[in-house]
Amino acid sequence: MTLPGVDAVAFRDTAGALWLALVNLDPHEAREVAIDVAGLDVRSAAGEVLTGPNVNSLNTFAAPATVAPAPIAGRVSGGTVTVDLPGKSVAVLSLSR
């Protein structure tokens, strides 16, 4: 069975805001992801990404910030949002007007 390198889900919340969730399954390589948002009037894309030094990284009392959310932003140009997604990461971005 072959898995995709990146998995993505887009959704609207009850207030109408558009969100994008991305998962990079590659444990070693970052991926540049381009999302077609033509016709949606998206002007910015920003949120948080979660990753760690290893795929089995975890937080402990001695090292409570080994895996911690960090800011991530996408670039919006010509109806496309482009995001640089680190390896072994999960990101959620708000796509705003």
N, C-alpha and C. Protein backbone atom coordinates (compact mmCIF):
# COMPACT_ATOMS: atom_id res chain seq x y z
N MET A 1 0.84 -1.18 0.00
CA MET A 1 0.00 0.00 0.00
C MET A 1 0.88 1.24 0.00
N THR A 2 0.61 2.16 -0.89
CA THR A 2 1.35 3.41 -0.98
C THR A 2 0.53 4.54 -0.37
N LEU A 3 1.16 5.32 0.49
CA LEU A 3 0.48 6.45 1.11
C LEU A 3 0.87 7.73 0.38
N PRO A 4 -0.04 8.71 0.34
CA PRO A 4 0.32 10.00 -0.27
C PRO A 4 1.35 10.71 0.60
N GLY A 5 2.17 11.54 -0.01
CA GLY A 5 3.16 12.29 0.76
C GLY A 5 2.52 13.34 1.65
N VAL A 6 1.44 13.94 1.16
CA VAL A 6 0.73 14.97 1.92
C VAL A 6 -0.77 14.68 1.83
N ASP A 7 -1.43 14.80 2.95
CA ASP A 7 -2.88 14.66 2.99
C ASP A 7 -3.45 16.03 3.39
N ALA A 8 -4.59 16.39 2.83
CA ALA A 8 -5.17 17.71 3.10
C ALA A 8 -6.68 17.62 3.22
N VAL A 9 -7.22 18.49 4.08
CA VAL A 9 -8.66 18.62 4.25
C VAL A 9 -8.96 20.10 4.38
N ALA A 10 -9.97 20.56 3.65
CA ALA A 10 -10.43 21.95 3.79
C ALA A 10 -11.85 21.91 4.34
N PHE A 11 -12.17 22.87 5.20
CA PHE A 11 -13.50 22.90 5.79
C PHE A 11 -13.86 24.31 6.22
N ARG A 12 -15.16 24.54 6.37
CA ARG A 12 -15.68 25.82 6.89
C ARG A 12 -16.24 25.56 8.29
N ASP A 13 -15.97 26.50 9.20
CA ASP A 13 -16.56 26.36 10.53
C ASP A 13 -17.96 26.98 10.54
N THR A 14 -18.61 26.93 11.68
CA THR A 14 -19.99 27.42 11.75
C THR A 14 -20.11 28.92 11.53
N ALA A 15 -19.00 29.65 11.71
CA ALA A 15 -19.00 31.09 11.46
C ALA A 15 -18.69 31.41 9.99
N GLY A 16 -18.39 30.38 9.19
CA GLY A 16 -18.10 30.60 7.78
C GLY A 16 -16.63 30.74 7.44
N ALA A 17 -15.74 30.69 8.46
CA ALA A 17 -14.30 30.80 8.20
C ALA A 17 -13.80 29.54 7.49
N LEU A 18 -12.86 29.71 6.58
CA LEU A 18 -12.29 28.60 5.82
C LEU A 18 -10.98 28.16 6.45
N TRP A 19 -10.84 26.85 6.68
CA TRP A 19 -9.66 26.27 7.33
C TRP A 19 -9.05 25.20 6.43
N LEU A 20 -7.75 25.03 6.57
CA LEU A 20 -7.04 24.02 5.81
C LEU A 20 -6.17 23.22 6.78
N ALA A 21 -6.33 21.90 6.79
CA ALA A 21 -5.49 21.02 7.61
C ALA A 21 -4.60 20.21 6.67
N LEU A 22 -3.30 20.20 6.95
CA LEU A 22 -2.32 19.51 6.12
C LEU A 22 -1.48 18.57 6.97
N VAL A 23 -1.17 17.39 6.43
CA VAL A 23 -0.30 16.43 7.11
C VAL A 23 0.78 16.00 6.13
N ASN A 24 2.05 16.18 6.52
CA ASN A 24 3.17 15.68 5.72
C ASN A 24 3.62 14.37 6.34
N LEU A 25 3.37 13.27 5.65
CA LEU A 25 3.69 11.94 6.16
C LEU A 25 5.16 11.58 6.01
N ASP A 26 5.90 12.33 5.20
CA ASP A 26 7.32 12.03 5.00
C ASP A 26 8.10 12.40 6.25
N PRO A 27 8.82 11.45 6.86
CA PRO A 27 9.54 11.75 8.09
C PRO A 27 10.81 12.56 7.89
N HIS A 28 11.26 12.71 6.64
CA HIS A 28 12.55 13.37 6.40
C HIS A 28 12.49 14.63 5.55
N GLU A 29 11.55 14.70 4.63
CA GLU A 29 11.54 15.79 3.65
C GLU A 29 10.38 16.75 3.83
N ALA A 30 10.69 18.03 3.74
CA ALA A 30 9.64 19.05 3.71
C ALA A 30 8.96 18.99 2.34
N ARG A 31 7.75 19.48 2.27
CA ARG A 31 7.01 19.52 1.01
C ARG A 31 6.44 20.92 0.80
N GLU A 32 6.55 21.39 -0.43
CA GLU A 32 5.86 22.61 -0.80
C GLU A 32 4.50 22.20 -1.34
N VAL A 33 3.44 22.71 -0.73
CA VAL A 33 2.08 22.34 -1.09
C VAL A 33 1.40 23.57 -1.69
N ALA A 34 0.81 23.41 -2.88
CA ALA A 34 0.09 24.50 -3.54
C ALA A 34 -1.40 24.14 -3.58
N ILE A 35 -2.23 25.04 -3.09
CA ILE A 35 -3.67 24.82 -3.01
C ILE A 35 -4.37 25.85 -3.88
N ASP A 36 -5.20 25.39 -4.80
CA ASP A 36 -5.95 26.28 -5.68
C ASP A 36 -7.13 26.86 -4.90
N VAL A 37 -7.13 28.17 -4.71
CA VAL A 37 -8.23 28.86 -4.01
C VAL A 37 -8.87 29.91 -4.92
N ALA A 38 -8.73 29.73 -6.22
CA ALA A 38 -9.30 30.68 -7.18
C ALA A 38 -10.79 30.85 -6.92
N GLY A 39 -11.24 32.09 -6.91
CA GLY A 39 -12.65 32.39 -6.70
C GLY A 39 -13.06 32.50 -5.24
N LEU A 40 -12.14 32.27 -4.31
CA LEU A 40 -12.48 32.33 -2.88
C LEU A 40 -12.03 33.62 -2.20
N ASP A 41 -11.37 34.51 -2.90
CA ASP A 41 -10.92 35.79 -2.35
C ASP A 41 -10.08 35.62 -1.09
N VAL A 42 -9.14 34.67 -1.12
CA VAL A 42 -8.23 34.45 0.01
C VAL A 42 -7.07 35.42 -0.11
N ARG A 43 -6.77 36.12 0.99
CA ARG A 43 -5.68 37.10 0.98
C ARG A 43 -4.55 36.76 1.93
N SER A 44 -4.84 35.86 2.90
CA SER A 44 -3.78 35.44 3.82
C SER A 44 -4.06 34.03 4.30
N ALA A 45 -3.00 33.35 4.69
CA ALA A 45 -3.09 31.99 5.22
C ALA A 45 -2.10 31.87 6.36
N ALA A 46 -2.60 31.62 7.56
CA ALA A 46 -1.72 31.54 8.72
C ALA A 46 -2.33 30.60 9.75
N GLY A 47 -1.47 29.97 10.53
CA GLY A 47 -1.93 29.06 11.56
C GLY A 47 -0.78 28.51 12.37
N GLU A 48 -0.90 27.22 12.74
CA GLU A 48 0.12 26.57 13.56
C GLU A 48 0.49 25.23 12.96
N VAL A 49 1.75 24.85 13.18
CA VAL A 49 2.26 23.56 12.73
C VAL A 49 2.82 22.83 13.95
N LEU A 50 2.66 21.52 13.95
CA LEU A 50 3.16 20.69 15.04
C LEU A 50 4.10 19.65 14.45
N THR A 51 5.33 19.61 14.96
CA THR A 51 6.32 18.63 14.53
C THR A 51 7.32 18.44 15.65
N GLY A 52 8.22 17.51 15.48
CA GLY A 52 9.25 17.26 16.49
C GLY A 52 10.51 16.77 15.82
N PRO A 53 11.57 16.58 16.60
CA PRO A 53 12.84 16.14 16.02
C PRO A 53 12.78 14.75 15.41
N ASN A 54 11.93 13.88 15.93
CA ASN A 54 11.80 12.51 15.44
C ASN A 54 10.32 12.15 15.34
N VAL A 55 9.99 11.13 14.56
CA VAL A 55 8.58 10.75 14.43
C VAL A 55 8.00 10.23 15.74
N ASN A 56 8.85 9.75 16.63
CA ASN A 56 8.37 9.25 17.92
C ASN A 56 8.65 10.21 19.07
N SER A 57 8.90 11.48 18.76
CA SER A 57 9.15 12.50 19.79
C SER A 57 7.91 12.68 20.65
N LEU A 58 8.15 12.96 21.93
CA LEU A 58 7.05 13.25 22.84
C LEU A 58 7.53 14.19 23.93
N ASN A 59 6.57 14.80 24.58
CA ASN A 59 6.88 15.70 25.69
C ASN A 59 6.94 14.90 26.98
N THR A 60 7.85 15.31 27.85
CA THR A 60 7.99 14.70 29.18
C THR A 60 8.06 15.83 30.19
N PHE A 61 8.04 15.49 31.47
CA PHE A 61 8.19 16.52 32.49
C PHE A 61 9.58 17.17 32.38
N ALA A 62 10.58 16.40 32.01
CA ALA A 62 11.95 16.94 31.87
C ALA A 62 12.10 17.78 30.60
N ALA A 63 11.34 17.46 29.56
CA ALA A 63 11.42 18.18 28.29
C ALA A 63 9.99 18.44 27.79
N PRO A 64 9.31 19.42 28.39
CA PRO A 64 7.89 19.63 28.09
C PRO A 64 7.60 20.30 26.74
N ALA A 65 8.62 20.78 26.05
CA ALA A 65 8.37 21.49 24.78
C ALA A 65 9.07 20.82 23.60
N THR A 66 9.32 19.52 23.70
CA THR A 66 9.94 18.82 22.57
C THR A 66 9.06 18.90 21.34
N VAL A 67 7.76 18.70 21.52
CA VAL A 67 6.78 18.83 20.45
C VAL A 67 5.86 19.98 20.85
N ALA A 68 5.95 21.08 20.12
CA ALA A 68 5.17 22.27 20.48
C ALA A 68 4.69 22.96 19.21
N PRO A 69 3.50 23.56 19.26
CA PRO A 69 3.00 24.31 18.10
C PRO A 69 3.92 25.48 17.78
N ALA A 70 4.03 25.77 16.49
CA ALA A 70 4.81 26.91 16.02
C ALA A 70 4.00 27.61 14.93
N PRO A 71 4.20 28.90 14.76
CA PRO A 71 3.47 29.61 13.70
C PRO A 71 3.88 29.11 12.32
N ILE A 72 2.92 29.11 11.40
CA ILE A 72 3.19 28.79 10.00
C ILE A 72 2.34 29.73 9.16
N ALA A 73 2.87 30.15 8.03
CA ALA A 73 2.12 31.04 7.13
C ALA A 73 2.27 30.54 5.71
N GLY A 74 1.23 30.74 4.94
CA GLY A 74 1.28 30.42 3.52
C GLY A 74 1.44 31.70 2.72
N ARG A 75 1.87 31.53 1.49
CA ARG A 75 1.98 32.66 0.57
C ARG A 75 0.78 32.60 -0.38
N VAL A 76 0.12 33.73 -0.56
CA VAL A 76 -1.05 33.80 -1.42
C VAL A 76 -0.70 34.61 -2.65
N SER A 77 -0.90 34.01 -3.83
CA SER A 77 -0.60 34.71 -5.08
C SER A 77 -1.40 34.09 -6.22
N GLY A 78 -2.10 34.93 -6.96
CA GLY A 78 -2.79 34.48 -8.15
C GLY A 78 -3.76 33.34 -7.95
N GLY A 79 -4.50 33.34 -6.87
CA GLY A 79 -5.48 32.29 -6.63
C GLY A 79 -4.90 30.99 -6.12
N THR A 80 -3.66 31.03 -5.60
CA THR A 80 -3.00 29.85 -5.06
C THR A 80 -2.40 30.17 -3.70
N VAL A 81 -2.60 29.27 -2.75
CA VAL A 81 -1.93 29.36 -1.45
C VAL A 81 -0.81 28.32 -1.48
N THR A 82 0.41 28.75 -1.17
CA THR A 82 1.56 27.85 -1.14
C THR A 82 2.08 27.79 0.28
N VAL A 83 2.28 26.57 0.79
CA VAL A 83 2.73 26.35 2.16
C VAL A 83 3.94 25.44 2.14
N ASP A 84 5.00 25.82 2.87
CA ASP A 84 6.16 24.95 3.07
C ASP A 84 5.91 24.14 4.32
N LEU A 85 5.66 22.85 4.14
CA LEU A 85 5.26 21.97 5.22
C LEU A 85 6.44 21.11 5.65
N PRO A 86 6.90 21.26 6.91
CA PRO A 86 8.03 20.45 7.36
C PRO A 86 7.72 18.95 7.31
N GLY A 87 8.76 18.14 7.28
CA GLY A 87 8.57 16.70 7.35
C GLY A 87 7.91 16.32 8.67
N LYS A 88 7.20 15.20 8.67
CA LYS A 88 6.52 14.66 9.88
C LYS A 88 5.76 15.74 10.64
N SER A 89 4.87 16.42 9.93
CA SER A 89 4.16 17.54 10.57
C SER A 89 2.67 17.52 10.29
N VAL A 90 1.96 18.24 11.15
CA VAL A 90 0.54 18.51 11.00
C VAL A 90 0.36 20.01 11.13
N ALA A 91 -0.37 20.61 10.19
CA ALA A 91 -0.60 22.05 10.24
C ALA A 91 -2.06 22.35 10.03
N VAL A 92 -2.54 23.41 10.67
CA VAL A 92 -3.89 23.93 10.46
C VAL A 92 -3.74 25.42 10.20
N LEU A 93 -4.30 25.86 9.07
CA LEU A 93 -4.22 27.27 8.68
C LEU A 93 -5.60 27.83 8.45
N SER A 94 -5.77 29.08 8.83
CA SER A 94 -6.98 29.83 8.54
C SER A 94 -6.74 30.57 7.24
N LEU A 95 -7.66 30.43 6.29
CA LEU A 95 -7.57 31.15 5.03
C LEU A 95 -8.51 32.34 5.13
N SER A 96 -7.94 33.55 5.13
CA SER A 96 -8.72 34.76 5.42
C SER A 96 -8.81 35.68 4.20
N ARG A 97 -9.86 36.49 4.21
CA ARG A 97 -10.07 37.51 3.17
C ARG A 97 -9.37 38.78 3.53
